[in-house]
Amino acid sequence: VTIALGATGASTNRLNIGASGLAPGDTIQRSVDLLNSGSLDLASVT
């Protein structure tokens, strides 16, 4: 059972990129790939 995130530093994982100077109503969008790289299917992901 192996789940992983995409490679950091590319559009496959931008979750490490912060944001500053937020004002009410602003949004932050970050992309990330979630991979099942194990040999078993999963019942759930939380």
ModelCIF file with pLDDT and N, C-alpha, C, O atoms, coordinates in Angstrom:
data_MODEL
#
_entry.id   MODEL 
#
_entity.id                         1 
_entity.type                       polymer 
_entity.pdbx_number_of_molecules   1 
#
_entity_poly.entity_id                      1 
_entity_poly.type                           'polypeptide(L)' 
_entity_poly.nstd_linkage                   no 
_entity_poly.nstd_monomer                   no 
_entity_poly.pdbx_seq_one_letter_code       VTIALGATGASTNRLNIGASGLAPGDTIQRSVDLLNSGSLDLASVT 
_entity_poly.pdbx_seq_one_letter_code_can   VTIALGATGASTNRLNIGASGLAPGDTIQRSVDLLNSGSLDLASVT 
_entity_poly.pdbx_strand_id                 A 
#
loop_
_entity_poly_seq.entity_id 
_entity_poly_seq.num 
_entity_poly_seq.mon_id 
_entity_poly_seq.hetero 
1 1  VAL n 
1 2  THR n 
1 3  ILE n 
1 4  ALA n 
1 5  LEU n 
1 6  GLY n 
1 7  ALA n 
1 8  THR n 
1 9  GLY n 
1 10 ALA n 
1 11 SER n 
1 12 THR n 
1 13 ASN n 
1 14 ARG n 
1 15 LEU n 
1 16 ASN n 
1 17 ILE n 
1 18 GLY n 
1 19 ALA n 
1 20 SER n 
1 21 GLY n 
1 22 LEU n 
1 23 ALA n 
1 24 PRO n 
1 25 GLY n 
1 26 ASP n 
1 27 THR n 
1 28 ILE n 
1 29 GLN n 
1 30 ARG n 
1 31 SER n 
1 32 VAL n 
1 33 ASP n 
1 34 LEU n 
1 35 LEU n 
1 36 ASN n 
1 37 SER n 
1 38 GLY n 
1 39 SER n 
1 40 LEU n 
1 41 ASP n 
1 42 LEU n 
1 43 ALA n 
1 44 SER n 
1 45 VAL n 
1 46 THR n 
#
_struct_asym.id          A 
_struct_asym.entity_id   1 
#
loop_
_ma_qa_metric.id 
_ma_qa_metric.mode 
_ma_qa_metric.name 
_ma_qa_metric.software_group_id 
_ma_qa_metric.type 
1 global pLDDT . pLDDT 
2 local  pLDDT . pLDDT 
#
_ma_qa_metric_global.metric_id      1 
_ma_qa_metric_global.metric_value   96.00 
_ma_qa_metric_global.model_id       1 
_ma_qa_metric_global.ordinal_id     1 
#
loop_
_ma_qa_metric_local.label_asym_id 
_ma_qa_metric_local.label_comp_id 
_ma_qa_metric_local.label_seq_id 
_ma_qa_metric_local.metric_id 
_ma_qa_metric_local.metric_value 
_ma_qa_metric_local.model_id 
_ma_qa_metric_local.ordinal_id 
A VAL 1  2 95.00 1 1  
A THR 2  2 95.00 1 2  
A ILE 3  2 95.00 1 3  
A ALA 4  2 97.00 1 4  
A LEU 5  2 96.00 1 5  
A GLY 6  2 96.00 1 6  
A ALA 7  2 95.00 1 7  
A THR 8  2 92.00 1 8  
A GLY 9  2 89.00 1 9  
A ALA 10 2 93.00 1 10 
A SER 11 2 94.00 1 11 
A THR 12 2 96.00 1 12 
A ASN 13 2 97.00 1 13 
A ARG 14 2 97.00 1 14 
A LEU 15 2 96.00 1 15 
A ASN 16 2 95.00 1 16 
A ILE 17 2 95.00 1 17 
A GLY 18 2 95.00 1 18 
A ALA 19 2 96.00 1 19 
A SER 20 2 95.00 1 20 
A GLY 21 2 96.00 1 21 
A LEU 22 2 96.00 1 22 
A ALA 23 2 97.00 1 23 
A PRO 24 2 97.00 1 24 
A GLY 25 2 97.00 1 25 
A ASP 26 2 97.00 1 26 
A THR 27 2 98.00 1 27 
A ILE 28 2 98.00 1 28 
A GLN 29 2 98.00 1 29 
A ARG 30 2 98.00 1 30 
A SER 31 2 98.00 1 31 
A VAL 32 2 98.00 1 32 
A ASP 33 2 98.00 1 33 
A LEU 34 2 98.00 1 34 
A LEU 35 2 97.00 1 35 
A ASN 36 2 97.00 1 36 
A SER 37 2 95.00 1 37 
A GLY 38 2 95.00 1 38 
A SER 39 2 95.00 1 39 
A LEU 40 2 95.00 1 40 
A ASP 41 2 96.00 1 41 
A LEU 42 2 97.00 1 42 
A ALA 43 2 96.00 1 43 
A SER 44 2 96.00 1 44 
A VAL 45 2 97.00 1 45 
A THR 46 2 97.00 1 46 
#
loop_
_atom_site.group_PDB 
_atom_site.id 
_atom_site.type_symbol 
_atom_site.label_atom_id 
_atom_site.label_alt_id 
_atom_site.label_comp_id 
_atom_site.label_asym_id 
_atom_site.label_entity_id 
_atom_site.label_seq_id 
_atom_site.pdbx_PDB_ins_code 
_atom_site.Cartn_x 
_atom_site.Cartn_y 
_atom_site.Cartn_z 
_atom_site.occupancy 
_atom_site.B_iso_or_equiv 
_atom_site.pdbx_formal_charge 
_atom_site.auth_seq_id 
_atom_site.auth_comp_id 
_atom_site.auth_asym_id 
_atom_site.auth_atom_id 
_atom_site.pdbx_PDB_model_num 
ATOM 1   N N  . VAL A 1 1  ? 0.875   -1.173 0.000   1.00 95.00 ? 1  VAL A N  1 
ATOM 2   C CA . VAL A 1 1  ? 0.000   0.000  0.000   1.00 95.00 ? 1  VAL A CA 1 
ATOM 3   C C  . VAL A 1 1  ? 0.912   1.223  0.000   1.00 95.00 ? 1  VAL A C  1 
ATOM 4   O O  . VAL A 1 1  ? 1.616   1.482  0.976   1.00 95.00 ? 1  VAL A O  1 
ATOM 5   N N  . THR A 1 2  ? 0.894   1.971  -1.098  1.00 95.00 ? 2  THR A N  1 
ATOM 6   C CA . THR A 1 2  ? 1.768   3.138  -1.232  1.00 95.00 ? 2  THR A CA 1 
ATOM 7   C C  . THR A 1 2  ? 1.019   4.248  -1.948  1.00 95.00 ? 2  THR A C  1 
ATOM 8   O O  . THR A 1 2  ? 0.634   4.098  -3.108  1.00 95.00 ? 2  THR A O  1 
ATOM 9   N N  . ILE A 1 3  ? 0.810   5.366  -1.255  1.00 95.00 ? 3  ILE A N  1 
ATOM 10  C CA . ILE A 1 3  ? 0.291   6.545  -1.935  1.00 95.00 ? 3  ILE A CA 1 
ATOM 11  C C  . ILE A 1 3  ? 1.364   7.620  -1.869  1.00 95.00 ? 3  ILE A C  1 
ATOM 12  O O  . ILE A 1 3  ? 2.139   7.688  -0.916  1.00 95.00 ? 3  ILE A O  1 
ATOM 13  N N  . ALA A 1 4  ? 1.395   8.449  -2.888  1.00 97.00 ? 4  ALA A N  1 
ATOM 14  C CA . ALA A 1 4  ? 2.452   9.453  -2.987  1.00 97.00 ? 4  ALA A CA 1 
ATOM 15  C C  . ALA A 1 4  ? 1.906   10.694 -3.667  1.00 97.00 ? 4  ALA A C  1 
ATOM 16  O O  . ALA A 1 4  ? 0.883   10.653 -4.350  1.00 97.00 ? 4  ALA A O  1 
ATOM 17  N N  . LEU A 1 5  ? 2.615   11.804 -3.464  1.00 96.00 ? 5  LEU A N  1 
ATOM 18  C CA . LEU A 1 5  ? 2.305   13.044 -4.155  1.00 96.00 ? 5  LEU A CA 1 
ATOM 19  C C  . LEU A 1 5  ? 3.246   13.201 -5.347  1.00 96.00 ? 5  LEU A C  1 
ATOM 20  O O  . LEU A 1 5  ? 4.319   12.599 -5.383  1.00 96.00 ? 5  LEU A O  1 
ATOM 21  N N  . GLY A 1 6  ? 2.841   14.005 -6.309  1.00 96.00 ? 6  GLY A N  1 
ATOM 22  C CA . GLY A 1 6  ? 3.675   14.235 -7.478  1.00 96.00 ? 6  GLY A CA 1 
ATOM 23  C C  . GLY A 1 6  ? 4.974   14.934 -7.117  1.00 96.00 ? 6  GLY A C  1 
ATOM 24  O O  . GLY A 1 6  ? 5.163   15.392 -5.990  1.00 96.00 ? 6  GLY A O  1 
ATOM 25  N N  . ALA A 1 7  ? 5.854   15.005 -8.085  1.00 95.00 ? 7  ALA A N  1 
ATOM 26  C CA . ALA A 1 7  ? 7.170   15.599 -7.871  1.00 95.00 ? 7  ALA A CA 1 
ATOM 27  C C  . ALA A 1 7  ? 7.048   17.071 -7.474  1.00 95.00 ? 7  ALA A C  1 
ATOM 28  O O  . ALA A 1 7  ? 6.382   17.856 -8.149  1.00 95.00 ? 7  ALA A O  1 
ATOM 29  N N  . THR A 1 8  ? 7.698   17.428 -6.376  1.00 92.00 ? 8  THR A N  1 
ATOM 30  C CA . THR A 1 8  ? 7.683   18.808 -5.898  1.00 92.00 ? 8  THR A CA 1 
ATOM 31  C C  . THR A 1 8  ? 8.473   19.698 -6.853  1.00 92.00 ? 8  THR A C  1 
ATOM 32  O O  . THR A 1 8  ? 9.495   19.291 -7.405  1.00 92.00 ? 8  THR A O  1 
ATOM 33  N N  . GLY A 1 9  ? 7.976   20.925 -7.035  1.00 89.00 ? 9  GLY A N  1 
ATOM 34  C CA . GLY A 1 9  ? 8.665   21.867 -7.894  1.00 89.00 ? 9  GLY A CA 1 
ATOM 35  C C  . GLY A 1 9  ? 8.113   21.925 -9.291  1.00 89.00 ? 9  GLY A C  1 
ATOM 36  O O  . GLY A 1 9  ? 8.606   22.686 -10.123 1.00 89.00 ? 9  GLY A O  1 
ATOM 37  N N  . ALA A 1 10 ? 7.084   21.124 -9.569  1.00 93.00 ? 10 ALA A N  1 
ATOM 38  C CA . ALA A 1 10 ? 6.415   21.140 -10.871 1.00 93.00 ? 10 ALA A CA 1 
ATOM 39  C C  . ALA A 1 10 ? 4.920   21.244 -10.628 1.00 93.00 ? 10 ALA A C  1 
ATOM 40  O O  . ALA A 1 10 ? 4.474   21.270 -9.481  1.00 93.00 ? 10 ALA A O  1 
ATOM 41  N N  . SER A 1 11 ? 4.144   21.304 -11.701 1.00 94.00 ? 11 SER A N  1 
ATOM 42  C CA . SER A 1 11 ? 2.692   21.410 -11.547 1.00 94.00 ? 11 SER A CA 1 
ATOM 43  C C  . SER A 1 11 ? 2.088   20.165 -10.907 1.00 94.00 ? 11 SER A C  1 
ATOM 44  O O  . SER A 1 11 ? 0.918   20.163 -10.524 1.00 94.00 ? 11 SER A O  1 
ATOM 45  N N  . THR A 1 12 ? 2.889   19.105 -10.793 1.00 96.00 ? 12 THR A N  1 
ATOM 46  C CA . THR A 1 12 ? 2.422   17.886 -10.134 1.00 96.00 ? 12 THR A CA 1 
ATOM 47  C C  . THR A 1 12 ? 2.384   18.022 -8.613  1.00 96.00 ? 12 THR A C  1 
ATOM 48  O O  . THR A 1 12 ? 1.796   17.180 -7.933  1.00 96.00 ? 12 THR A O  1 
ATOM 49  N N  . ASN A 1 13 ? 3.007   19.076 -8.072  1.00 97.00 ? 13 ASN A N  1 
ATOM 50  C CA . ASN A 1 13 ? 2.949   19.314 -6.620  1.00 97.00 ? 13 ASN A CA 1 
ATOM 51  C C  . ASN A 1 13 ? 3.406   20.738 -6.300  1.00 97.00 ? 13 ASN A C  1 
ATOM 52  O O  . ASN A 1 13 ? 4.602   21.017 -6.216  1.00 97.00 ? 13 ASN A O  1 
ATOM 53  N N  . ARG A 1 14 ? 2.433   21.627 -6.124  1.00 97.00 ? 14 ARG A N  1 
ATOM 54  C CA . ARG A 1 14 ? 2.713   23.016 -5.755  1.00 97.00 ? 14 ARG A CA 1 
ATOM 55  C C  . ARG A 1 14 ? 2.348   23.309 -4.305  1.00 97.00 ? 14 ARG A C  1 
ATOM 56  O O  . ARG A 1 14 ? 2.311   24.472 -3.902  1.00 97.00 ? 14 ARG A O  1 
ATOM 57  N N  . LEU A 1 15 ? 2.076   22.261 -3.507  1.00 96.00 ? 15 LEU A N  1 
ATOM 58  C CA . LEU A 1 15 ? 1.644   22.497 -2.139  1.00 96.00 ? 15 LEU A CA 1 
ATOM 59  C C  . LEU A 1 15 ? 2.727   23.118 -1.262  1.00 96.00 ? 15 LEU A C  1 
ATOM 60  O O  . LEU A 1 15 ? 2.436   23.598 -0.166  1.00 96.00 ? 15 LEU A O  1 
ATOM 61  N N  . ASN A 1 16 ? 3.954   23.114 -1.726  1.00 95.00 ? 16 ASN A N  1 
ATOM 62  C CA . ASN A 1 16 ? 5.031   23.723 -0.938  1.00 95.00 ? 16 ASN A CA 1 
ATOM 63  C C  . ASN A 1 16 ? 5.174   25.220 -1.213  1.00 95.00 ? 16 ASN A C  1 
ATOM 64  O O  . ASN A 1 16 ? 6.027   25.872 -0.609  1.00 95.00 ? 16 ASN A O  1 
ATOM 65  N N  . ILE A 1 17 ? 4.370   25.770 -2.098  1.00 95.00 ? 17 ILE A N  1 
ATOM 66  C CA . ILE A 1 17 ? 4.452   27.190 -2.448  1.00 95.00 ? 17 ILE A CA 1 
ATOM 67  C C  . ILE A 1 17 ? 3.501   27.989 -1.568  1.00 95.00 ? 17 ILE A C  1 
ATOM 68  O O  . ILE A 1 17 ? 2.289   27.777 -1.608  1.00 95.00 ? 17 ILE A O  1 
ATOM 69  N N  . GLY A 1 18 ? 4.043   28.900 -0.779  1.00 95.00 ? 18 GLY A N  1 
ATOM 70  C CA . GLY A 1 18 ? 3.235   29.715 0.123   1.00 95.00 ? 18 GLY A CA 1 
ATOM 71  C C  . GLY A 1 18 ? 2.613   30.914 -0.582  1.00 95.00 ? 18 GLY A C  1 
ATOM 72  O O  . GLY A 1 18 ? 2.779   31.116 -1.785  1.00 95.00 ? 18 GLY A O  1 
ATOM 73  N N  . ALA A 1 19 ? 1.895   31.698 0.205   1.00 96.00 ? 19 ALA A N  1 
ATOM 74  C CA . ALA A 1 19 ? 1.270   32.931 -0.310  1.00 96.00 ? 19 ALA A CA 1 
ATOM 75  C C  . ALA A 1 19 ? 1.270   33.949 0.820   1.00 96.00 ? 19 ALA A C  1 
ATOM 76  O O  . ALA A 1 19 ? 1.128   33.593 1.990   1.00 96.00 ? 19 ALA A O  1 
ATOM 77  N N  . SER A 1 20 ? 1.428   35.199 0.467   1.00 95.00 ? 20 SER A N  1 
ATOM 78  C CA . SER A 1 20 ? 1.460   36.257 1.476   1.00 95.00 ? 20 SER A CA 1 
ATOM 79  C C  . SER A 1 20 ? 0.604   37.435 1.019   1.00 95.00 ? 20 SER A C  1 
ATOM 80  O O  . SER A 1 20 ? 0.196   37.507 -0.140  1.00 95.00 ? 20 SER A O  1 
ATOM 81  N N  . GLY A 1 21 ? 0.338   38.362 1.950   1.00 96.00 ? 21 GLY A N  1 
ATOM 82  C CA . GLY A 1 21 ? -0.416  39.568 1.627   1.00 96.00 ? 21 GLY A CA 1 
ATOM 83  C C  . GLY A 1 21 ? -1.872  39.300 1.283   1.00 96.00 ? 21 GLY A C  1 
ATOM 84  O O  . GLY A 1 21 ? -2.455  40.013 0.467   1.00 96.00 ? 21 GLY A O  1 
ATOM 85  N N  . LEU A 1 22 ? -2.471  38.274 1.899   1.00 96.00 ? 22 LEU A N  1 
ATOM 86  C CA . LEU A 1 22 ? -3.868  37.961 1.607   1.00 96.00 ? 22 LEU A CA 1 
ATOM 87  C C  . LEU A 1 22 ? -4.792  39.071 2.103   1.00 96.00 ? 22 LEU A C  1 
ATOM 88  O O  . LEU A 1 22 ? -4.565  39.659 3.161   1.00 96.00 ? 22 LEU A O  1 
ATOM 89  N N  . ALA A 1 23 ? -5.827  39.347 1.331   1.00 97.00 ? 23 ALA A N  1 
ATOM 90  C CA . ALA A 1 23 ? -6.906  40.261 1.719   1.00 97.00 ? 23 ALA A CA 1 
ATOM 91  C C  . ALA A 1 23 ? -8.216  39.491 1.640   1.00 97.00 ? 23 ALA A C  1 
ATOM 92  O O  . ALA A 1 23 ? -8.296  38.502 0.910   1.00 97.00 ? 23 ALA A O  1 
ATOM 93  N N  . PRO A 1 24 ? -9.243  39.914 2.368   1.00 97.00 ? 24 PRO A N  1 
ATOM 94  C CA . PRO A 1 24 ? -10.529 39.224 2.300   1.00 97.00 ? 24 PRO A CA 1 
ATOM 95  C C  . PRO A 1 24 ? -11.002 39.066 0.861   1.00 97.00 ? 24 PRO A C  1 
ATOM 96  O O  . PRO A 1 24 ? -10.987 40.020 0.083   1.00 97.00 ? 24 PRO A O  1 
ATOM 97  N N  . GLY A 1 25 ? -11.419 37.855 0.516   1.00 97.00 ? 25 GLY A N  1 
ATOM 98  C CA . GLY A 1 25 ? -11.878 37.531 -0.839  1.00 97.00 ? 25 GLY A CA 1 
ATOM 99  C C  . GLY A 1 25 ? -10.812 36.918 -1.722  1.00 97.00 ? 25 GLY A C  1 
ATOM 100 O O  . GLY A 1 25 ? -11.140 36.386 -2.783  1.00 97.00 ? 25 GLY A O  1 
ATOM 101 N N  . ASP A 1 26 ? -9.528  36.970 -1.324  1.00 97.00 ? 26 ASP A N  1 
ATOM 102 C CA . ASP A 1 26 ? -8.447  36.380 -2.129  1.00 97.00 ? 26 ASP A CA 1 
ATOM 103 C C  . ASP A 1 26 ? -8.510  34.855 -2.106  1.00 97.00 ? 26 ASP A C  1 
ATOM 104 O O  . ASP A 1 26 ? -9.017  34.251 -1.161  1.00 97.00 ? 26 ASP A O  1 
ATOM 105 N N  . THR A 1 27 ? -7.985  34.248 -3.166  1.00 98.00 ? 27 THR A N  1 
ATOM 106 C CA . THR A 1 27 ? -7.905  32.791 -3.253  1.00 98.00 ? 27 THR A CA 1 
ATOM 107 C C  . THR A 1 27 ? -6.476  32.360 -3.545  1.00 98.00 ? 27 THR A C  1 
ATOM 108 O O  . THR A 1 27 ? -5.696  33.110 -4.132  1.00 98.00 ? 27 THR A O  1 
ATOM 109 N N  . ILE A 1 28 ? -6.148  31.157 -3.133  1.00 98.00 ? 28 ILE A N  1 
ATOM 110 C CA . ILE A 1 28 ? -4.848  30.526 -3.399  1.00 98.00 ? 28 ILE A CA 1 
ATOM 111 C C  . ILE A 1 28 ? -5.140  29.190 -4.074  1.00 98.00 ? 28 ILE A C  1 
ATOM 112 O O  . ILE A 1 28 ? -5.848  28.359 -3.506  1.00 98.00 ? 28 ILE A O  1 
ATOM 113 N N  . GLN A 1 29 ? -4.613  28.970 -5.268  1.00 98.00 ? 29 GLN A N  1 
ATOM 114 C CA . GLN A 1 29 ? -4.786  27.698 -5.963  1.00 98.00 ? 29 GLN A CA 1 
ATOM 115 C C  . GLN A 1 29 ? -3.444  26.979 -6.073  1.00 98.00 ? 29 GLN A C  1 
ATOM 116 O O  . GLN A 1 29 ? -2.431  27.567 -6.449  1.00 98.00 ? 29 GLN A O  1 
ATOM 117 N N  . ARG A 1 30 ? -3.468  25.688 -5.733  1.00 98.00 ? 30 ARG A N  1 
ATOM 118 C CA . ARG A 1 30 ? -2.263  24.861 -5.838  1.00 98.00 ? 30 ARG A CA 1 
ATOM 119 C C  . ARG A 1 30 ? -2.659  23.501 -6.406  1.00 98.00 ? 30 ARG A C  1 
ATOM 120 O O  . ARG A 1 30 ? -3.633  22.891 -5.967  1.00 98.00 ? 30 ARG A O  1 
ATOM 121 N N  . SER A 1 31 ? -1.898  23.043 -7.378  1.00 98.00 ? 31 SER A N  1 
ATOM 122 C CA . SER A 1 31 ? -2.157  21.717 -7.962  1.00 98.00 ? 31 SER A CA 1 
ATOM 123 C C  . SER A 1 31 ? -1.287  20.663 -7.288  1.00 98.00 ? 31 SER A C  1 
ATOM 124 O O  . SER A 1 31 ? -0.191  20.955 -6.809  1.00 98.00 ? 31 SER A O  1 
ATOM 125 N N  . VAL A 1 32 ? -1.792  19.441 -7.260  1.00 98.00 ? 32 VAL A N  1 
ATOM 126 C CA . VAL A 1 32 ? -1.019  18.319 -6.715  1.00 98.00 ? 32 VAL A CA 1 
ATOM 127 C C  . VAL A 1 32 ? -1.580  17.023 -7.277  1.00 98.00 ? 32 VAL A C  1 
ATOM 128 O O  . VAL A 1 32 ? -2.796  16.846 -7.353  1.00 98.00 ? 32 VAL A O  1 
ATOM 129 N N  . ASP A 1 33 ? -0.692  16.120 -7.669  1.00 98.00 ? 33 ASP A N  1 
ATOM 130 C CA . ASP A 1 33 ? -1.105  14.784 -8.115  1.00 98.00 ? 33 ASP A CA 1 
ATOM 131 C C  . ASP A 1 33 ? -1.062  13.823 -6.941  1.00 98.00 ? 33 ASP A C  1 
ATOM 132 O O  . ASP A 1 33 ? -0.115  13.831 -6.155  1.00 98.00 ? 33 ASP A O  1 
ATOM 133 N N  . LEU A 1 34 ? -2.087  13.001 -6.827  1.00 98.00 ? 34 LEU A N  1 
ATOM 134 C CA . LEU A 1 34 ? -2.141  11.946 -5.815  1.00 98.00 ? 34 LEU A CA 1 
ATOM 135 C C  . LEU A 1 34 ? -2.065  10.609 -6.537  1.00 98.00 ? 34 LEU A C  1 
ATOM 136 O O  . LEU A 1 34 ? -2.920  10.299 -7.367  1.00 98.00 ? 34 LEU A O  1 
ATOM 137 N N  . LEU A 1 35 ? -1.033  9.808  -6.222  1.00 97.00 ? 35 LEU A N  1 
ATOM 138 C CA . LEU A 1 35 ? -0.762  8.570  -6.951  1.00 97.00 ? 35 LEU A CA 1 
ATOM 139 C C  . LEU A 1 35 ? -0.894  7.359  -6.036  1.00 97.00 ? 35 LEU A C  1 
ATOM 140 O O  . LEU A 1 35 ? -0.452  7.381  -4.887  1.00 97.00 ? 35 LEU A O  1 
ATOM 141 N N  . ASN A 1 36 ? -1.505  6.312  -6.560  1.00 97.00 ? 36 ASN A N  1 
ATOM 142 C CA . ASN A 1 36 ? -1.464  5.006  -5.905  1.00 97.00 ? 36 ASN A CA 1 
ATOM 143 C C  . ASN A 1 36 ? -0.376  4.202  -6.593  1.00 97.00 ? 36 ASN A C  1 
ATOM 144 O O  . ASN A 1 36 ? -0.610  3.585  -7.632  1.00 97.00 ? 36 ASN A O  1 
ATOM 145 N N  . SER A 1 37 ? 0.812   4.212  -6.009  1.00 95.00 ? 37 SER A N  1 
ATOM 146 C CA . SER A 1 37 ? 1.953   3.530  -6.621  1.00 95.00 ? 37 SER A CA 1 
ATOM 147 C C  . SER A 1 37 ? 2.209   2.170  -5.992  1.00 95.00 ? 37 SER A C  1 
ATOM 148 O O  . SER A 1 37 ? 3.239   1.551  -6.259  1.00 95.00 ? 37 SER A O  1 
ATOM 149 N N  . GLY A 1 38 ? 1.279   1.691  -5.151  1.00 95.00 ? 38 GLY A N  1 
ATOM 150 C CA . GLY A 1 38 ? 1.408   0.359  -4.578  1.00 95.00 ? 38 GLY A CA 1 
ATOM 151 C C  . GLY A 1 38 ? 0.798   -0.694 -5.483  1.00 95.00 ? 38 GLY A C  1 
ATOM 152 O O  . GLY A 1 38 ? 0.263   -0.376 -6.546  1.00 95.00 ? 38 GLY A O  1 
ATOM 153 N N  . SER A 1 39 ? 0.878   -1.945 -5.063  1.00 95.00 ? 39 SER A N  1 
ATOM 154 C CA . SER A 1 39 ? 0.337   -3.051 -5.865  1.00 95.00 ? 39 SER A CA 1 
ATOM 155 C C  . SER A 1 39 ? -1.082  -3.424 -5.462  1.00 95.00 ? 39 SER A C  1 
ATOM 156 O O  . SER A 1 39 ? -1.708  -4.261 -6.113  1.00 95.00 ? 39 SER A O  1 
ATOM 157 N N  . LEU A 1 40 ? -1.606  -2.808 -4.384  1.00 95.00 ? 40 LEU A N  1 
ATOM 158 C CA . LEU A 1 40 ? -2.950  -3.129 -3.908  1.00 95.00 ? 40 LEU A CA 1 
ATOM 159 C C  . LEU A 1 40 ? -3.911  -1.974 -4.161  1.00 95.00 ? 40 LEU A C  1 
ATOM 160 O O  . LEU A 1 40 ? -3.526  -0.807 -4.090  1.00 95.00 ? 40 LEU A O  1 
ATOM 161 N N  . ASP A 1 41 ? -5.160  -2.309 -4.456  1.00 96.00 ? 41 ASP A N  1 
ATOM 162 C CA . ASP A 1 41 ? -6.210  -1.301 -4.488  1.00 96.00 ? 41 ASP A CA 1 
ATOM 163 C C  . ASP A 1 41 ? -6.488  -0.826 -3.059  1.00 96.00 ? 41 ASP A C  1 
ATOM 164 O O  . ASP A 1 41 ? -6.130  -1.493 -2.089  1.00 96.00 ? 41 ASP A O  1 
ATOM 165 N N  . LEU A 1 42 ? -7.122  0.321  -2.952  1.00 97.00 ? 42 LEU A N  1 
ATOM 166 C CA . LEU A 1 42 ? -7.418  0.905  -1.647  1.00 97.00 ? 42 LEU A CA 1 
ATOM 167 C C  . LEU A 1 42 ? -8.917  0.908  -1.389  1.00 97.00 ? 42 LEU A C  1 
ATOM 168 O O  . LEU A 1 42 ? -9.721  1.033  -2.312  1.00 97.00 ? 42 LEU A O  1 
ATOM 169 N N  . ALA A 1 43 ? -9.279  0.766  -0.113  1.00 96.00 ? 43 ALA A N  1 
ATOM 170 C CA . ALA A 1 43 ? -10.676 0.909  0.282   1.00 96.00 ? 43 ALA A CA 1 
ATOM 171 C C  . ALA A 1 43 ? -11.037 2.367  0.457   1.00 96.00 ? 43 ALA A C  1 
ATOM 172 O O  . ALA A 1 43 ? -12.174 2.767  0.204   1.00 96.00 ? 43 ALA A O  1 
ATOM 173 N N  . SER A 1 44 ? -10.049 3.181  0.898   1.00 96.00 ? 44 SER A N  1 
ATOM 174 C CA . SER A 1 44 ? -10.332 4.602  1.133   1.00 96.00 ? 44 SER A CA 1 
ATOM 175 C C  . SER A 1 44 ? -9.033  5.389  1.206   1.00 96.00 ? 44 SER A C  1 
ATOM 176 O O  . SER A 1 44 ? -7.959  4.841  1.452   1.00 96.00 ? 44 SER A O  1 
ATOM 177 N N  . VAL A 1 45 ? -9.167  6.688  0.984   1.00 97.00 ? 45 VAL A N  1 
ATOM 178 C CA . VAL A 1 45 ? -8.088  7.650  1.211   1.00 97.00 ? 45 VAL A CA 1 
ATOM 179 C C  . VAL A 1 45 ? -8.674  8.771  2.065   1.00 97.00 ? 45 VAL A C  1 
ATOM 180 O O  . VAL A 1 45 ? -9.751  9.288  1.771   1.00 97.00 ? 45 VAL A O  1 
ATOM 181 N N  . THR A 1 46 ? -7.963  9.138  3.116   1.00 97.00 ? 46 THR A N  1 
ATOM 182 C CA . THR A 1 46 ? -8.406  10.248 3.954   1.00 97.00 ? 46 THR A CA 1 
ATOM 183 C C  . THR A 1 46 ? -7.357  11.354 3.936   1.00 97.00 ? 46 THR A C  1 
ATOM 184 O O  . THR A 1 46 ? -7.537  12.386 4.582   1.00 97.00 ? 46 THR A O  1 
#
